[in-house]
Structure formats: C-alpha cells, structure tokens
C-alpha cells in the first residue's frame, strides 16, 4: 500500500505481513523533543490532600497554613476521580415490575 498527499506525492510505503496487518516503519526526518509541564502544582496538592477541593487548597496556600504549598491560581478545575466519587447509584428495586 502507498500513502500519498493531496498533490499525489508519495508519503509512505506500507507492507502487509502474513497476519494481514500493516506494518509501518517510520523514520523521523527531524528529531523533536516535546516536554510537558503541569499547568500548576494544583493537581499534585489536590491528590496529596485526599482530593480536597481547589478553593480550600487556594485558601491554605494564600494564608500560609501549609509549609511549601504555593498560592494556587487555577481553582475551577474538574477532577474525574472526584466526579466519579460523587456519583450516586440508584438502589435496586425489591421486586421486579
């Protein structure tokens, strides 16, 4: 199989192995290093304090109640673990309808 762009230039040749899978060998023309940096320490402190809400974390940092806790600026963040923990399950009915 051959992969081409809009101008019909060859981008890649792909071979199919006996298991009917396509194996694509890629070589990077120009190496790129991407570094991810956390938006803030808010997520780390949120987890360290047992998923305390961000408003309380911000208050603790602002008032200097915790040594090493910076003043957090982003407080309106959603945590998937917290959302899942707040969900309620409907009880099972005692009898079938």
PDB file of N, CA and C in Angstrom:
ATOM      1  N   UNK A   1       0.852  -1.156   0.000  1.00  0.00           N
ATOM      2  CA  UNK A   1       0.000   0.000   0.000  1.00  0.00           C
ATOM      3  C   UNK A   1       0.904   1.227   0.000  1.00  0.00           C
ATOM      4  N   UNK A   2       0.452   2.258  -0.675  1.00  0.00           N
ATOM      5  CA  UNK A   2       1.180   3.521  -0.711  1.00  0.00           C
ATOM      6  C   UNK A   2       0.265   4.628  -0.182  1.00  0.00           C
ATOM      7  N   UNK A   3       0.835   5.526   0.605  1.00  0.00           N
ATOM      8  CA  UNK A   3       0.093   6.663   1.145  1.00  0.00           C
ATOM      9  C   UNK A   3       0.613   7.910   0.450  1.00  0.00           C
ATOM     10  N   UNK A   4      -0.306   8.696  -0.092  1.00  0.00           N
ATOM     11  CA  UNK A   4       0.073   9.901  -0.831  1.00  0.00           C
ATOM     12  C   UNK A   4      -0.670  11.115  -0.267  1.00  0.00           C
ATOM     13  N   UNK A   5      -0.088  12.299  -0.484  1.00  0.00           N
ATOM     14  CA  UNK A   5      -0.728  13.530  -0.032  1.00  0.00           C
ATOM     15  C   UNK A   5      -1.645  14.080  -1.123  1.00  0.00           C
ATOM     16  N   UNK A   6      -2.154  15.305  -0.921  1.00  0.00           N
ATOM     17  CA  UNK A   6      -3.102  15.902  -1.860  1.00  0.00           C
ATOM     18  C   UNK A   6      -2.486  16.143  -3.236  1.00  0.00           C
ATOM     19  N   UNK A   7      -1.185  16.406  -3.284  1.00  0.00           N
ATOM     20  CA  UNK A   7      -0.502  16.632  -4.558  1.00  0.00           C
ATOM     21  C   UNK A   7       0.019  15.326  -5.161  1.00  0.00           C
ATOM     22  N   UNK A   8      -0.420  14.213  -4.603  1.00  0.00           N
ATOM     23  CA  UNK A   8      -0.096  12.878  -5.092  1.00  0.00           C
ATOM     24  C   UNK A   8       1.379  12.520  -4.884  1.00  0.00           C
ATOM     25  N   UNK A   9       2.047  13.194  -3.931  1.00  0.00           N
ATOM     26  CA  UNK A   9       3.430  12.850  -3.599  1.00  0.00           C
ATOM     27  C   UNK A   9       3.415  11.669  -2.644  1.00  0.00           C
ATOM     28  N   UNK A  10       4.369  10.786  -2.832  1.00  0.00           N
ATOM     29  CA  UNK A  10       4.456   9.586  -2.009  1.00  0.00           C
ATOM     30  C   UNK A  10       4.911   9.954  -0.600  1.00  0.00           C
ATOM     31  N   UNK A  11       4.130   9.585   0.390  1.00  0.00           N
ATOM     32  CA  UNK A  11       4.477   9.836   1.784  1.00  0.00           C
ATOM     33  C   UNK A  11       5.042   8.597   2.455  1.00  0.00           C
ATOM     34  N   UNK A  12       4.455   7.435   2.165  1.00  0.00           N
ATOM     35  CA  UNK A  12       4.901   6.213   2.834  1.00  0.00           C
ATOM     36  C   UNK A  12       4.511   4.994   2.011  1.00  0.00           C
ATOM     37  N   UNK A  13       5.349   3.982   2.124  1.00  0.00           N
ATOM     38  CA  UNK A  13       5.032   2.667   1.576  1.00  0.00           C
ATOM     39  C   UNK A  13       4.806   1.748   2.762  1.00  0.00           C
ATOM     40  N   UNK A  14       3.708   1.031   2.731  1.00  0.00           N
ATOM     41  CA  UNK A  14       3.351   0.184   3.865  1.00  0.00           C
ATOM     42  C   UNK A  14       3.226  -1.247   3.364  1.00  0.00           C
ATOM     43  N   UNK A  15       3.867  -2.156   4.078  1.00  0.00           N
ATOM     44  CA  UNK A  15       3.793  -3.559   3.698  1.00  0.00           C
ATOM     45  C   UNK A  15       2.793  -4.265   4.609  1.00  0.00           C
ATOM     46  N   UNK A  16       2.208  -5.322   4.078  1.00  0.00           N
ATOM     47  CA  UNK A  16       1.263  -6.116   4.852  1.00  0.00           C
ATOM     48  C   UNK A  16       1.919  -7.450   5.180  1.00  0.00           C
ATOM     49  N   UNK A  17       1.912  -7.799   6.473  1.00  0.00           N
ATOM     50  CA  UNK A  17       2.542  -9.057   6.874  1.00  0.00           C
ATOM     51  C   UNK A  17       1.559 -10.211   6.673  1.00  0.00           C
ATOM     52  N   UNK A  18       2.018 -11.447   6.851  1.00  0.00           N
ATOM     53  CA  UNK A  18       1.142 -12.603   6.618  1.00  0.00           C
ATOM     54  C   UNK A  18      -0.109 -12.624   7.491  1.00  0.00           C
ATOM     55  N   UNK A  19      -0.077 -11.970   8.639  1.00  0.00           N
ATOM     56  CA  UNK A  19      -1.253 -11.927   9.508  1.00  0.00           C
ATOM     57  C   UNK A  19      -2.248 -10.855   9.106  1.00  0.00           C
ATOM     58  N   UNK A  20      -2.087 -10.298   7.912  1.00  0.00           N
ATOM     59  CA  UNK A  20      -2.955  -9.260   7.364  1.00  0.00           C
ATOM     60  C   UNK A  20      -2.922  -7.975   8.186  1.00  0.00           C
ATOM     61  N   UNK A  21      -1.766  -7.704   8.790  1.00  0.00           N
ATOM     62  CA  UNK A  21      -1.558  -6.445   9.498  1.00  0.00           C
ATOM     63  C   UNK A  21      -0.615  -5.585   8.684  1.00  0.00           C
ATOM     64  N   UNK A  22      -0.828  -4.307   8.732  1.00  0.00           N
ATOM     65  CA  UNK A  22       0.035  -3.381   8.012  1.00  0.00           C
ATOM     66  C   UNK A  22       1.117  -2.891   8.960  1.00  0.00           C
ATOM     67  N   UNK A  23       2.360  -3.089   8.560  1.00  0.00           N
ATOM     68  CA  UNK A  23       3.497  -2.652   9.369  1.00  0.00           C
ATOM     69  C   UNK A  23       4.060  -1.386   8.742  1.00  0.00           C
ATOM     70  N   UNK A  24       4.143  -0.350   9.522  1.00  0.00           N
ATOM     71  CA  UNK A  24       4.630   0.932   9.034  1.00  0.00           C
ATOM     72  C   UNK A  24       5.925   1.250   9.752  1.00  0.00           C
ATOM     73  N   UNK A  25       7.023   1.283   9.007  1.00  0.00           N
ATOM     74  CA  UNK A  25       8.320   1.647   9.569  1.00  0.00           C
ATOM     75  C   UNK A  25       8.513   3.140   9.356  1.00  0.00           C
ATOM     76  N   UNK A  26       8.650   3.861  10.439  1.00  0.00           N
ATOM     77  CA  UNK A  26       8.779   5.312  10.351  1.00  0.00           C
ATOM     78  C   UNK A  26      10.172   5.752  10.746  1.00  0.00           C
ATOM     79  N   UNK A  27      10.694   6.697  10.028  1.00  0.00           N
ATOM     80  CA  UNK A  27      11.932   7.356  10.423  1.00  0.00           C
ATOM     81  C   UNK A  27      11.611   8.835  10.555  1.00  0.00           C
ATOM     82  N   UNK A  28      12.117   9.433  11.583  1.00  0.00           N
ATOM     83  CA  UNK A  28      11.840  10.840  11.843  1.00  0.00           C
ATOM     84  C   UNK A  28      12.872  11.674  11.098  1.00  0.00           C
ATOM     85  N   UNK A  29      12.402  12.561  10.254  1.00  0.00           N
ATOM     86  CA  UNK A  29      13.305  13.395   9.469  1.00  0.00           C
ATOM     87  C   UNK A  29      14.047  14.387  10.354  1.00  0.00           C
ATOM     88  N   UNK A  30      13.354  14.955  11.299  1.00  0.00           N
ATOM     89  CA  UNK A  30      13.972  15.915  12.198  1.00  0.00           C
ATOM     90  C   UNK A  30      13.518  15.576  13.611  1.00  0.00           C
ATOM     91  N   UNK A  31      14.439  15.137  14.475  1.00  0.00           N
ATOM     92  CA  UNK A  31      14.032  14.780  15.840  1.00  0.00           C
ATOM     93  C   UNK A  31      13.453  15.985  16.577  1.00  0.00           C
ATOM     94  N   UNK A  32      12.402  15.725  17.313  1.00  0.00           N
ATOM     95  CA  UNK A  32      11.734  16.771  18.075  1.00  0.00           C
ATOM     96  C   UNK A  32      11.591  16.286  19.505  1.00  0.00           C
ATOM     97  N   UNK A  33      11.891  17.148  20.435  1.00  0.00           N
ATOM     98  CA  UNK A  33      11.732  16.819  21.844  1.00  0.00           C
ATOM     99  C   UNK A  33      10.616  17.692  22.402  1.00  0.00           C
ATOM    100  N   UNK A  34       9.590  17.056  22.895  1.00  0.00           N
ATOM    101  CA  UNK A  34       8.473  17.781  23.478  1.00  0.00           C
ATOM    102  C   UNK A  34       8.467  17.543  24.977  1.00  0.00           C
ATOM    103  N   UNK A  35       8.350  18.594  25.722  1.00  0.00           N
ATOM    104  CA  UNK A  35       8.304  18.478  27.172  1.00  0.00           C
ATOM    105  C   UNK A  35       6.948  18.970  27.653  1.00  0.00           C
ATOM    106  N   UNK A  36       6.359  18.208  28.522  1.00  0.00           N
ATOM    107  CA  UNK A  36       5.080  18.601  29.098  1.00  0.00           C
ATOM    108  C   UNK A  36       5.332  19.147  30.493  1.00  0.00           C
ATOM    109  N   UNK A  37       4.692  20.224  30.788  1.00  0.00           N
ATOM    110  CA  UNK A  37       4.816  20.827  32.111  1.00  0.00           C
ATOM    111  C   UNK A  37       3.414  20.959  32.683  1.00  0.00           C
ATOM    112  N   UNK A  38       3.276  20.555  33.905  1.00  0.00           N
ATOM    113  CA  UNK A  38       1.965  20.649  34.543  1.00  0.00           C
ATOM    114  C   UNK A  38       1.533  22.106  34.602  1.00  0.00           C
ATOM    115  N   UNK A  39       0.233  22.319  34.463  1.00  0.00           N
ATOM    116  CA  UNK A  39      -0.270  23.680  34.493  1.00  0.00           C
ATOM    117  C   UNK A  39       0.112  24.364  35.797  1.00  0.00           C
ATOM    118  N   UNK A  40       0.082  23.582  36.836  1.00  0.00           N
ATOM    119  CA  UNK A  40       0.391  24.138  38.139  1.00  0.00           C
ATOM    120  C   UNK A  40       0.532  22.971  39.101  1.00  0.00           C
ATOM    121  N   UNK A  41       0.955  23.247  40.277  1.00  0.00           N
ATOM    122  CA  UNK A  41       1.055  22.199  41.286  1.00  0.00           C
ATOM    123  C   UNK A  41      -0.309  21.855  41.874  1.00  0.00           C
ATOM    124  N   UNK A  42      -1.348  22.464  41.365  1.00  0.00           N
ATOM    125  CA  UNK A  42      -2.678  22.277  41.947  1.00  0.00           C
ATOM    126  C   UNK A  42      -3.089  20.815  41.966  1.00  0.00           C
ATOM    127  N   UNK A  43      -2.847  20.091  40.866  1.00  0.00           N
ATOM    128  CA  UNK A  43      -3.256  18.687  40.809  1.00  0.00           C
ATOM    129  C   UNK A  43      -2.485  17.847  41.811  1.00  0.00           C
ATOM    130  N   UNK A  44      -1.191  18.114  41.945  1.00  0.00           N
ATOM    131  CA  UNK A  44      -0.379  17.352  42.901  1.00  0.00           C
ATOM    132  C   UNK A  44      -0.882  17.573  44.326  1.00  0.00           C
ATOM    133  N   UNK A  45      -1.136  18.826  44.690  1.00  0.00           N
ATOM    134  CA  UNK A  45      -1.602  19.116  46.041  1.00  0.00           C
ATOM    135  C   UNK A  45      -3.028  18.616  46.250  1.00  0.00           C
ATOM    136  N   UNK A  46      -3.822  18.654  45.211  1.00  0.00           N
ATOM    137  CA  UNK A  46      -5.190  18.128  45.282  1.00  0.00           C
ATOM    138  C   UNK A  46      -5.163  16.644  45.652  1.00  0.00           C
ATOM    139  N   UNK A  47      -4.259  15.890  45.044  1.00  0.00           N
ATOM    140  CA  UNK A  47      -4.142  14.460  45.353  1.00  0.00           C
ATOM    141  C   UNK A  47      -3.505  14.239  46.718  1.00  0.00           C
ATOM    142  N   UNK A  48      -2.509  15.028  47.061  1.00  0.00           N
ATOM    143  CA  UNK A  48      -1.830  14.852  48.349  1.00  0.00           C
ATOM    144  C   UNK A  48      -2.765  15.065  49.530  1.00  0.00           C
ATOM    145  N   UNK A  49      -3.693  15.977  49.380  1.00  0.00           N
ATOM    146  CA  UNK A  49      -4.611  16.267  50.477  1.00  0.00           C
ATOM    147  C   UNK A  49      -5.917  15.494  50.348  1.00  0.00           C
ATOM    148  N   UNK A  50      -5.862  14.348  49.720  1.00  0.00           N
ATOM    149  CA  UNK A  50      -7.046  13.486  49.654  1.00  0.00           C
ATOM    150  C   UNK A  50      -8.156  14.067  48.818  1.00  0.00           C
ATOM    151  N   UNK A  51      -7.801  14.725  47.725  1.00  0.00           N
ATOM    152  CA  UNK A  51      -8.758  15.292  46.779  1.00  0.00           C
ATOM    153  C   UNK A  51      -9.619  16.377  47.419  1.00  0.00           C
ATOM    154  N   UNK A  52      -8.949  17.225  48.187  1.00  0.00           N
ATOM    155  CA  UNK A  52      -9.592  18.408  48.761  1.00  0.00           C
ATOM    156  C   UNK A  52      -9.961  19.357  47.629  1.00  0.00           C
ATOM    157  N   UNK A  53     -11.045  20.099  47.794  1.00  0.00           N
ATOM    158  CA  UNK A  53     -11.458  20.999  46.716  1.00  0.00           C
ATOM    159  C   UNK A  53     -10.431  22.115  46.526  1.00  0.00           C
ATOM    160  N   UNK A  54     -10.394  22.649  45.309  1.00  0.00           N
ATOM    161  CA  UNK A  54      -9.369  23.613  44.939  1.00  0.00           C
ATOM    162  C   UNK A  54      -9.520  24.941  45.673  1.00  0.00           C
ATOM    163  N   UNK A  55     -10.732  25.295  46.043  1.00  0.00           N
ATOM    164  CA  UNK A  55     -10.931  26.535  46.794  1.00  0.00           C
ATOM    165  C   UNK A  55     -10.263  26.442  48.155  1.00  0.00           C
ATOM    166  N   UNK A  56     -10.392  25.302  48.818  1.00  0.00           N
ATOM    167  CA  UNK A  56      -9.746  25.114  50.119  1.00  0.00           C
ATOM    168  C   UNK A  56      -8.230  25.103  49.969  1.00  0.00           C
ATOM    169  N   UNK A  57      -7.725  24.472  48.916  1.00  0.00           N
ATOM    170  CA  UNK A  57      -6.278  24.467  48.682  1.00  0.00           C
ATOM    171  C   UNK A  57      -5.753  25.880  48.448  1.00  0.00           C
ATOM    172  N   UNK A  58      -6.506  26.652  47.687  1.00  0.00           N
ATOM    173  CA  UNK A  58      -6.085  28.032  47.427  1.00  0.00           C
ATOM    174  C   UNK A  58      -6.061  28.845  48.720  1.00  0.00           C
ATOM    175  N   UNK A  59      -7.054  28.635  49.560  1.00  0.00           N
ATOM    176  CA  UNK A  59      -7.110  29.359  50.832  1.00  0.00           C
ATOM    177  C   UNK A  59      -5.945  28.961  51.731  1.00  0.00           C
ATOM    178  N   UNK A  60      -5.627  27.653  51.774  1.00  0.00           N
ATOM    179  CA  UNK A  60      -4.498  27.200  52.596  1.00  0.00           C
ATOM    180  C   UNK A  60      -3.189  27.798  52.110  1.00  0.00           C
ATOM    181  N   UNK A  61      -3.018  27.887  50.798  1.00  0.00           N
ATOM    182  CA  UNK A  61      -1.797  28.468  50.255  1.00  0.00           C
ATOM    183  C   UNK A  61      -1.719  29.960  50.488  1.00  0.00           C
ATOM    184  N   UNK A  62      -2.842  30.643  50.329  1.00  0.00           N
ATOM    185  CA  UNK A  62      -2.873  32.093  50.492  1.00  0.00           C
ATOM    186  C   UNK A  62      -2.603  32.500  51.934  1.00  0.00           C
ATOM    187  N   UNK A  63      -3.130  31.723  52.889  1.00  0.00           N
ATOM    188  CA  UNK A  63      -2.964  32.064  54.299  1.00  0.00           C
ATOM    189  C   UNK A  63      -1.718  31.442  54.914  1.00  0.00           C
ATOM    190  N   UNK A  64      -0.959  30.684  54.122  1.00  0.00           N
ATOM    191  CA  UNK A  64       0.281  30.097  54.623  1.00  0.00           C
ATOM    192  C   UNK A  64       0.060  29.011  55.658  1.00  0.00           C
ATOM    193  N   UNK A  65      -1.030  28.267  55.551  1.00  0.00           N
ATOM    194  CA  UNK A  65      -1.344  27.238  56.533  1.00  0.00           C
ATOM    195  C   UNK A  65      -0.549  25.954  56.320  1.00  0.00           C
ATOM    196  N   UNK A  66      -0.001  25.761  55.126  1.00  0.00           N
ATOM    197  CA  UNK A  66       0.748  24.546  54.809  1.00  0.00           C
ATOM    198  C   UNK A  66       2.119  24.953  54.295  1.00  0.00           C
ATOM    199  N   UNK A  67       3.153  24.432  54.919  1.00  0.00           N
ATOM    200  CA  UNK A  67       4.513  24.750  54.515  1.00  0.00           C
ATOM    201  C   UNK A  67       4.792  24.142  53.139  1.00  0.00           C
ATOM    202  N   UNK A  68       5.235  24.975  52.198  1.00  0.00           N
ATOM    203  CA  UNK A  68       5.565  24.511  50.862  1.00  0.00           C
ATOM    204  C   UNK A  68       4.432  24.587  49.861  1.00  0.00           C
ATOM    205  N   UNK A  69       3.230  24.833  50.323  1.00  0.00           N
ATOM    206  CA  UNK A  69       2.086  24.922  49.410  1.00  0.00           C
ATOM    207  C   UNK A  69       2.074  26.305  48.768  1.00  0.00           C
ATOM    208  N   UNK A  70       2.213  26.369  47.437  1.00  0.00           N
ATOM    209  CA  UNK A  70       2.197  27.680  46.785  1.00  0.00           C
ATOM    210  C   UNK A  70       0.776  28.223  46.698  1.00  0.00           C
ATOM    211  N   UNK A  71       0.672  29.495  46.393  1.00  0.00           N
ATOM    212  CA  UNK A  71      -0.639  30.094  46.172  1.00  0.00           C
ATOM    213  C   UNK A  71      -1.113  29.616  44.805  1.00  0.00           C
ATOM    214  N   UNK A  72      -2.210  28.903  44.786  1.00  0.00           N
ATOM    215  CA  UNK A  72      -2.729  28.326  43.555  1.00  0.00           C
ATOM    216  C   UNK A  72      -3.632  29.328  42.860  1.00  0.00           C
ATOM    217  N   UNK A  73      -3.475  29.444  41.560  1.00  0.00           N
ATOM    218  CA  UNK A  73      -4.267  30.431  40.826  1.00  0.00           C
ATOM    219  C   UNK A  73      -5.473  29.809  40.146  1.00  0.00           C
ATOM    220  N   UNK A  74      -5.349  28.586  39.643  1.00  0.00           N
ATOM    221  CA  UNK A  74      -6.471  27.948  38.961  1.00  0.00           C
ATOM    222  C   UNK A  74      -7.250  27.118  39.971  1.00  0.00           C
ATOM    223  N   UNK A  75      -8.462  27.554  40.242  1.00  0.00           N
ATOM    224  CA  UNK A  75      -9.252  26.820  41.226  1.00  0.00           C
ATOM    225  C   UNK A  75     -10.476  26.161  40.618  1.00  0.00           C
ATOM    226  N   UNK A  76     -10.855  26.535  39.431  1.00  0.00           N
ATOM    227  CA  UNK A  76     -12.053  25.971  38.809  1.00  0.00           C
ATOM    228  C   UNK A  76     -11.659  24.835  37.875  1.00  0.00           C
ATOM    229  N   UNK A  77     -11.205  23.735  38.459  1.00  0.00           N
ATOM    230  CA  UNK A  77     -10.781  22.586  37.680  1.00  0.00           C
ATOM    231  C   UNK A  77     -11.647  21.393  38.052  1.00  0.00           C
ATOM    232  N   UNK A  78     -11.851  20.510  37.094  1.00  0.00           N
ATOM    233  CA  UNK A  78     -12.648  19.312  37.328  1.00  0.00           C
ATOM    234  C   UNK A  78     -11.733  18.109  37.428  1.00  0.00           C
ATOM    235  N   UNK A  79     -11.961  17.300  38.432  1.00  0.00           N
ATOM    236  CA  UNK A  79     -11.181  16.089  38.649  1.00  0.00           C
ATOM    237  C   UNK A  79     -12.099  14.904  38.366  1.00  0.00           C
ATOM    238  N   UNK A  80     -11.674  14.033  37.452  1.00  0.00           N
ATOM    239  CA  UNK A  80     -12.511  12.886  37.091  1.00  0.00           C
ATOM    240  C   UNK A  80     -12.746  11.963  38.282  1.00  0.00           C
ATOM    241  N   UNK A  81     -11.731  11.776  39.117  1.00  0.00           N
ATOM    242  CA  UNK A  81     -11.887  10.903  40.281  1.00  0.00           C
ATOM    243  C   UNK A  81     -12.911  11.482  41.254  1.00  0.00           C
ATOM    244  N   UNK A  82     -12.877  12.796  41.439  1.00  0.00           N
ATOM    245  CA  UNK A  82     -13.846  13.425  42.341  1.00  0.00           C
ATOM    246  C   UNK A  82     -15.259  13.329  41.776  1.00  0.00           C
ATOM    247  N   UNK A  83     -15.395  13.535  40.471  1.00  0.00           N
ATOM    248  CA  UNK A  83     -16.717  13.431  39.860  1.00  0.00           C
ATOM    249  C   UNK A  83     -17.268  12.020  39.974  1.00  0.00           C
ATOM    250  N   UNK A  84     -16.418  11.031  39.760  1.00  0.00           N
ATOM    251  CA  UNK A  84     -16.867   9.640  39.872  1.00  0.00           C
ATOM    252  C   UNK A  84     -17.239   9.307  41.310  1.00  0.00           C
ATOM    253  N   UNK A  85     -16.505   9.854  42.268  1.00  0.00           N
ATOM    254  CA  UNK A  85     -16.791   9.582  43.670  1.00  0.00           C
ATOM    255  C   UNK A  85     -18.074  10.226  44.156  1.00  0.00           C
ATOM    256  N   UNK A  86     -18.501  11.294  43.496  1.00  0.00           N
ATOM    257  CA  UNK A  86     -19.718  11.988  43.910  1.00  0.00           C
ATOM    258  C   UNK A  86     -20.975  11.410  43.269  1.00  0.00           C
ATOM    259  N   UNK A  87     -20.793  10.524  42.323  1.00  0.00           N
ATOM    260  CA  UNK A  87     -21.959   9.938  41.671  1.00  0.00           C
ATOM    261  C   UNK A  87     -22.671   8.997  42.625  1.00  0.00           C
ATOM    262  N   UNK A  88     -23.972   8.937  42.480  1.00  0.00           N
ATOM    263  CA  UNK A  88     -24.768   8.049  43.317  1.00  0.00           C
ATOM    264  C   UNK A  88     -25.332   6.933  42.468  1.00  0.00           C
ATOM    265  N   UNK A  89     -25.491   5.796  43.074  1.00  0.00           N
ATOM    266  CA  UNK A  89     -26.117   4.654  42.404  1.00  0.00           C
ATOM    267  C   UNK A  89     -27.566   4.573  42.856  1.00  0.00           C
ATOM    268  N   UNK A  90     -28.433   4.316  41.905  1.00  0.00           N
ATOM    269  CA  UNK A  90     -29.834   4.115  42.254  1.00  0.00           C
ATOM    270  C   UNK A  90     -29.968   2.749  42.905  1.00  0.00           C
ATOM    271  N   UNK A  91     -30.763   2.634  43.959  1.00  0.00           N
ATOM    272  CA  UNK A  91     -30.912   1.332  44.612  1.00  0.00           C
ATOM    273  C   UNK A  91     -31.653   0.349  43.711  1.00  0.00           C
ATOM    274  N   UNK A  92     -31.352  -0.916  43.908  1.00  0.00           N
ATOM    275  CA  UNK A  92     -32.053  -1.956  43.165  1.00  0.00           C
ATOM    276  C   UNK A  92     -33.468  -2.077  43.718  1.00  0.00           C
ATOM    277  N   UNK A  93     -34.446  -2.281  42.850  1.00  0.00           N
ATOM    278  CA  UNK A  93     -35.818  -2.453  43.343  1.00  0.00           C
ATOM    279  C   UNK A  93     -35.939  -3.779  44.092  1.00  0.00           C
ATOM    280  N   UNK A  94     -36.809  -3.800  45.089  1.00  0.00           N
ATOM    281  CA  UNK A  94     -37.021  -5.020  45.863  1.00  0.00           C
ATOM    282  C   UNK A  94     -37.780  -6.068  45.059  1.00  0.00           C
ATOM    283  N   UNK A  95     -38.601  -5.604  44.152  1.00  0.00           N
ATOM    284  CA  UNK A  95     -39.372  -6.529  43.316  1.00  0.00           C
ATOM    285  C   UNK A  95     -39.273  -6.076  41.866  1.00  0.00           C
ATOM    286  N   UNK A  96     -39.365  -7.058  40.992  1.00  0.00           N
ATOM    287  CA  UNK A  96     -39.386  -6.733  39.569  1.00  0.00           C
ATOM    288  C   UNK A  96     -40.761  -6.208  39.199  1.00  0.00           C
ATOM    289  N   UNK A  97     -40.807  -5.331  38.257  1.00  0.00           N
ATOM    290  CA  UNK A  97     -42.100  -4.750  37.859  1.00  0.00           C
ATOM    291  C   UNK A  97     -42.812  -5.615  36.867  1.00  0.00           C
TER     292      UNK A  97
END
